[in-house]
Every structure is written in structure tokens, then in C-alpha cells.
Amino acid sequence: MPLTTLDYYAGDPGCLVAACRQALERLLLLSRGRPVTCCWIDYPYTEEELTLLEEEVLPAMQLFLERVGEIDAGLEAEQGS
């Protein structure tokens, strides 16, 4: 599983989600509660939306990455036997 965005490989959804999670964590840390401008919507994310990202989206990304890790471990075990 990638640990930095430098470990991203094109076509690998696990790497992509890990890189996005790191970027989102960085954005939330740097915003310090200030509104964040989004390029796909005319209104900035305020504290309420940033809290939703932190409380709902980040944990969902983590669950995704954990599940990919489980699938990878199962595949490695299967190939190793």
C-alpha cells in the first residue's frame, strides 16, 4: 500500500485513494477551519462541509484501503501456497 503520493502508480485504485486521502488530510490541516474553494461548485466548503469530510469521507477512504489490503493479503497467501 502506498505511503506517499510519490508511490502512486497509474491504474492502481488503491494508490489513487491513498494519495487522495493524504491530499484531503493535508487540505483539512492547512484550512484550519477557513472556507475551502472548490473548482466544481460555486460555493466554498465551510466548517460544516469540512467536518463531514473529516468525519465521513476520511474514514470511508480508510475502510477502502483496509479492504484492499485484505484482498491483497489473500491474493499473496493464495499465490504463495
N, C-alpha and C. Protein backbone atom coordinates (compact mmCIF):
# COMPACT_ATOMS: atom_id res chain seq x y z
N MET A 1 0.85 -1.18 0.00
CA MET A 1 0.00 0.00 0.00
C MET A 1 0.89 1.24 0.00
N PRO A 2 0.55 2.23 -0.82
CA PRO A 2 1.40 3.42 -0.92
C PRO A 2 1.37 4.24 0.36
N LEU A 3 2.48 4.86 0.65
CA LEU A 3 2.57 5.70 1.83
C LEU A 3 2.66 7.18 1.48
N THR A 4 3.01 7.50 0.26
CA THR A 4 3.09 8.88 -0.19
C THR A 4 2.53 8.98 -1.59
N THR A 5 2.24 10.20 -2.02
CA THR A 5 1.74 10.38 -3.37
C THR A 5 2.81 10.01 -4.39
N LEU A 6 4.08 9.97 -4.00
CA LEU A 6 5.14 9.55 -4.90
C LEU A 6 5.03 8.08 -5.25
N ASP A 7 4.32 7.31 -4.42
CA ASP A 7 4.16 5.88 -4.66
C ASP A 7 2.96 5.57 -5.56
N TYR A 8 2.32 6.61 -6.10
CA TYR A 8 1.15 6.41 -6.95
C TYR A 8 1.54 5.79 -8.28
N TYR A 9 0.83 4.76 -8.67
CA TYR A 9 1.02 4.13 -9.96
C TYR A 9 -0.28 4.24 -10.74
N ALA A 10 -0.19 4.70 -11.98
CA ALA A 10 -1.38 4.87 -12.82
C ALA A 10 -2.14 3.55 -12.92
N GLY A 11 -3.43 3.62 -12.76
CA GLY A 11 -4.26 2.44 -12.90
C GLY A 11 -4.46 1.66 -11.62
N ASP A 12 -3.82 2.04 -10.53
CA ASP A 12 -3.96 1.34 -9.26
C ASP A 12 -4.92 2.12 -8.37
N PRO A 13 -6.16 1.63 -8.20
CA PRO A 13 -7.14 2.39 -7.41
C PRO A 13 -6.74 2.54 -5.95
N GLY A 14 -6.05 1.57 -5.39
CA GLY A 14 -5.61 1.68 -4.00
C GLY A 14 -4.63 2.83 -3.84
N CYS A 15 -3.68 2.92 -4.75
CA CYS A 15 -2.71 4.02 -4.70
C CYS A 15 -3.39 5.36 -4.89
N LEU A 16 -4.35 5.41 -5.79
CA LEU A 16 -5.06 6.66 -6.05
C LEU A 16 -5.83 7.11 -4.82
N VAL A 17 -6.55 6.20 -4.18
CA VAL A 17 -7.31 6.56 -2.97
C VAL A 17 -6.36 6.97 -1.85
N ALA A 18 -5.25 6.27 -1.69
CA ALA A 18 -4.28 6.63 -0.65
C ALA A 18 -3.73 8.03 -0.89
N ALA A 19 -3.43 8.35 -2.14
CA ALA A 19 -2.91 9.68 -2.47
C ALA A 19 -3.98 10.74 -2.22
N CYS A 20 -5.22 10.45 -2.58
CA CYS A 20 -6.32 11.39 -2.35
C CYS A 20 -6.57 11.59 -0.85
N ARG A 21 -6.47 10.51 -0.09
CA ARG A 21 -6.66 10.62 1.35
C ARG A 21 -5.59 11.53 1.96
N GLN A 22 -4.35 11.34 1.54
CA GLN A 22 -3.27 12.20 2.05
C GLN A 22 -3.50 13.65 1.67
N ALA A 23 -3.92 13.89 0.44
CA ALA A 23 -4.18 15.26 -0.01
C ALA A 23 -5.33 15.88 0.79
N LEU A 24 -6.38 15.10 1.04
CA LEU A 24 -7.51 15.60 1.81
C LEU A 24 -7.11 15.90 3.25
N GLU A 25 -6.33 15.02 3.86
CA GLU A 25 -5.84 15.26 5.22
C GLU A 25 -5.03 16.55 5.27
N ARG A 26 -4.17 16.75 4.29
CA ARG A 26 -3.34 17.96 4.22
C ARG A 26 -4.21 19.20 4.05
N LEU A 27 -5.20 19.13 3.16
CA LEU A 27 -6.10 20.24 2.93
C LEU A 27 -6.85 20.61 4.21
N LEU A 28 -7.35 19.61 4.92
CA LEU A 28 -8.09 19.87 6.16
C LEU A 28 -7.17 20.48 7.22
N LEU A 29 -5.95 20.01 7.29
CA LEU A 29 -5.00 20.55 8.25
C LEU A 29 -4.65 21.99 7.92
N LEU A 30 -4.40 22.27 6.67
CA LEU A 30 -3.99 23.61 6.27
C LEU A 30 -5.14 24.62 6.27
N SER A 31 -6.37 24.14 6.12
CA SER A 31 -7.51 25.07 6.08
C SER A 31 -7.77 25.70 7.44
N ARG A 32 -7.46 24.95 8.50
CA ARG A 32 -7.66 25.44 9.88
C ARG A 32 -9.03 26.07 10.07
N GLY A 33 -10.04 25.44 9.49
CA GLY A 33 -11.41 25.91 9.67
C GLY A 33 -11.83 27.01 8.73
N ARG A 34 -10.91 27.51 7.91
CA ARG A 34 -11.29 28.55 6.94
C ARG A 34 -11.99 27.89 5.76
N PRO A 35 -12.87 28.61 5.07
CA PRO A 35 -13.54 28.05 3.90
C PRO A 35 -12.53 27.61 2.84
N VAL A 36 -12.87 26.53 2.14
CA VAL A 36 -12.01 25.98 1.10
C VAL A 36 -12.75 26.11 -0.23
N THR A 37 -12.12 26.73 -1.20
CA THR A 37 -12.71 26.90 -2.52
C THR A 37 -12.63 25.59 -3.28
N CYS A 38 -13.71 25.24 -3.92
CA CYS A 38 -13.78 24.03 -4.74
C CYS A 38 -14.00 24.44 -6.19
N CYS A 39 -13.30 23.79 -7.11
CA CYS A 39 -13.40 24.17 -8.52
C CYS A 39 -14.69 23.66 -9.17
N TRP A 40 -15.40 22.73 -8.56
CA TRP A 40 -16.58 22.12 -9.18
C TRP A 40 -17.90 22.68 -8.65
N ILE A 41 -17.83 23.64 -7.73
CA ILE A 41 -19.04 24.23 -7.15
C ILE A 41 -18.78 25.71 -6.91
N ASP A 42 -19.81 26.52 -7.00
CA ASP A 42 -19.65 27.97 -6.87
C ASP A 42 -19.50 28.45 -5.43
N TYR A 43 -19.67 27.56 -4.47
CA TYR A 43 -19.62 27.95 -3.07
C TYR A 43 -18.48 27.21 -2.36
N PRO A 44 -17.80 27.88 -1.46
CA PRO A 44 -16.70 27.21 -0.75
C PRO A 44 -17.24 26.24 0.30
N TYR A 45 -16.43 25.26 0.63
CA TYR A 45 -16.73 24.37 1.75
C TYR A 45 -16.44 25.15 3.03
N THR A 46 -17.43 25.18 3.90
CA THR A 46 -17.26 25.86 5.18
C THR A 46 -17.02 24.80 6.26
N GLU A 47 -17.02 25.21 7.49
CA GLU A 47 -16.72 24.31 8.61
C GLU A 47 -17.61 23.07 8.60
N GLU A 48 -18.88 23.24 8.25
CA GLU A 48 -19.80 22.10 8.23
C GLU A 48 -19.38 21.04 7.21
N GLU A 49 -19.07 21.47 5.99
CA GLU A 49 -18.67 20.53 4.96
C GLU A 49 -17.29 19.93 5.26
N LEU A 50 -16.40 20.74 5.79
CA LEU A 50 -15.08 20.23 6.15
C LEU A 50 -15.19 19.18 7.25
N THR A 51 -16.09 19.39 8.19
CA THR A 51 -16.32 18.40 9.25
C THR A 51 -16.86 17.10 8.66
N LEU A 52 -17.77 17.20 7.70
CA LEU A 52 -18.30 15.99 7.05
C LEU A 52 -17.19 15.23 6.33
N LEU A 53 -16.31 15.95 5.67
CA LEU A 53 -15.18 15.29 5.01
C LEU A 53 -14.33 14.54 6.03
N GLU A 54 -14.06 15.21 7.14
CA GLU A 54 -13.22 14.61 8.17
C GLU A 54 -13.89 13.42 8.85
N GLU A 55 -15.17 13.54 9.14
CA GLU A 55 -15.87 12.51 9.90
C GLU A 55 -16.45 11.38 9.05
N GLU A 56 -16.71 11.64 7.77
CA GLU A 56 -17.35 10.62 6.94
C GLU A 56 -16.48 10.14 5.79
N VAL A 57 -15.85 11.06 5.08
CA VAL A 57 -15.11 10.67 3.88
C VAL A 57 -13.77 10.03 4.24
N LEU A 58 -13.01 10.64 5.14
CA LEU A 58 -11.72 10.06 5.52
C LEU A 58 -11.86 8.64 6.08
N PRO A 59 -12.81 8.39 6.99
CA PRO A 59 -12.98 7.00 7.46
C PRO A 59 -13.38 6.03 6.35
N ALA A 60 -14.20 6.49 5.41
CA ALA A 60 -14.59 5.62 4.30
C ALA A 60 -13.39 5.29 3.43
N MET A 61 -12.52 6.26 3.22
CA MET A 61 -11.30 6.01 2.46
C MET A 61 -10.42 5.00 3.19
N GLN A 62 -10.33 5.15 4.51
CA GLN A 62 -9.51 4.22 5.30
C GLN A 62 -10.07 2.81 5.23
N LEU A 63 -11.39 2.67 5.32
CA LEU A 63 -12.00 1.34 5.21
C LEU A 63 -11.73 0.73 3.84
N PHE A 64 -11.80 1.54 2.80
CA PHE A 64 -11.50 1.07 1.46
C PHE A 64 -10.07 0.54 1.40
N LEU A 65 -9.13 1.31 1.92
CA LEU A 65 -7.73 0.91 1.88
C LEU A 65 -7.47 -0.35 2.71
N GLU A 66 -8.14 -0.47 3.85
CA GLU A 66 -8.00 -1.68 4.66
C GLU A 66 -8.53 -2.89 3.91
N ARG A 67 -9.66 -2.72 3.24
CA ARG A 67 -10.24 -3.85 2.49
C ARG A 67 -9.33 -4.25 1.32
N VAL A 68 -8.77 -3.26 0.63
CA VAL A 68 -7.82 -3.57 -0.45
C VAL A 68 -6.62 -4.32 0.12
N GLY A 69 -6.16 -3.92 1.30
CA GLY A 69 -5.06 -4.62 1.96
C GLY A 69 -5.41 -6.06 2.26
N GLU A 70 -6.64 -6.30 2.71
CA GLU A 70 -7.08 -7.67 2.99
C GLU A 70 -7.13 -8.50 1.71
N ILE A 71 -7.64 -7.91 0.65
CA ILE A 71 -7.71 -8.61 -0.63
C ILE A 71 -6.30 -8.93 -1.12
N ASP A 72 -5.40 -7.96 -1.01
CA ASP A 72 -4.01 -8.18 -1.41
C ASP A 72 -3.36 -9.30 -0.60
N ALA A 73 -3.58 -9.29 0.71
CA ALA A 73 -3.00 -10.32 1.57
C ALA A 73 -3.54 -11.69 1.20
N GLY A 74 -4.85 -11.78 0.90
CA GLY A 74 -5.42 -13.04 0.49
C GLY A 74 -4.85 -13.52 -0.83
N LEU A 75 -4.65 -12.62 -1.76
CA LEU A 75 -4.07 -12.98 -3.05
C LEU A 75 -2.62 -13.45 -2.88
N GLU A 76 -1.86 -12.74 -2.07
CA GLU A 76 -0.47 -13.15 -1.83
C GLU A 76 -0.40 -14.51 -1.15
N ALA A 77 -1.31 -14.74 -0.18
CA ALA A 77 -1.31 -16.04 0.50
C ALA A 77 -1.69 -17.16 -0.48
N GLU A 78 -2.65 -16.87 -1.33
CA GLU A 78 -3.08 -17.86 -2.31
C GLU A 78 -1.97 -18.18 -3.31
N GLN A 79 -1.27 -17.18 -3.74
CA GLN A 79 -0.19 -17.36 -4.73
C GLN A 79 1.05 -18.00 -4.09
N GLY A 80 1.20 -17.77 -2.77
CA GLY A 80 2.37 -18.30 -2.07
C GLY A 80 2.24 -19.78 -1.70
N SER A 81 1.02 -20.32 -1.74
CA SER A 81 0.85 -21.71 -1.32
C SER A 81 0.86 -22.67 -2.47
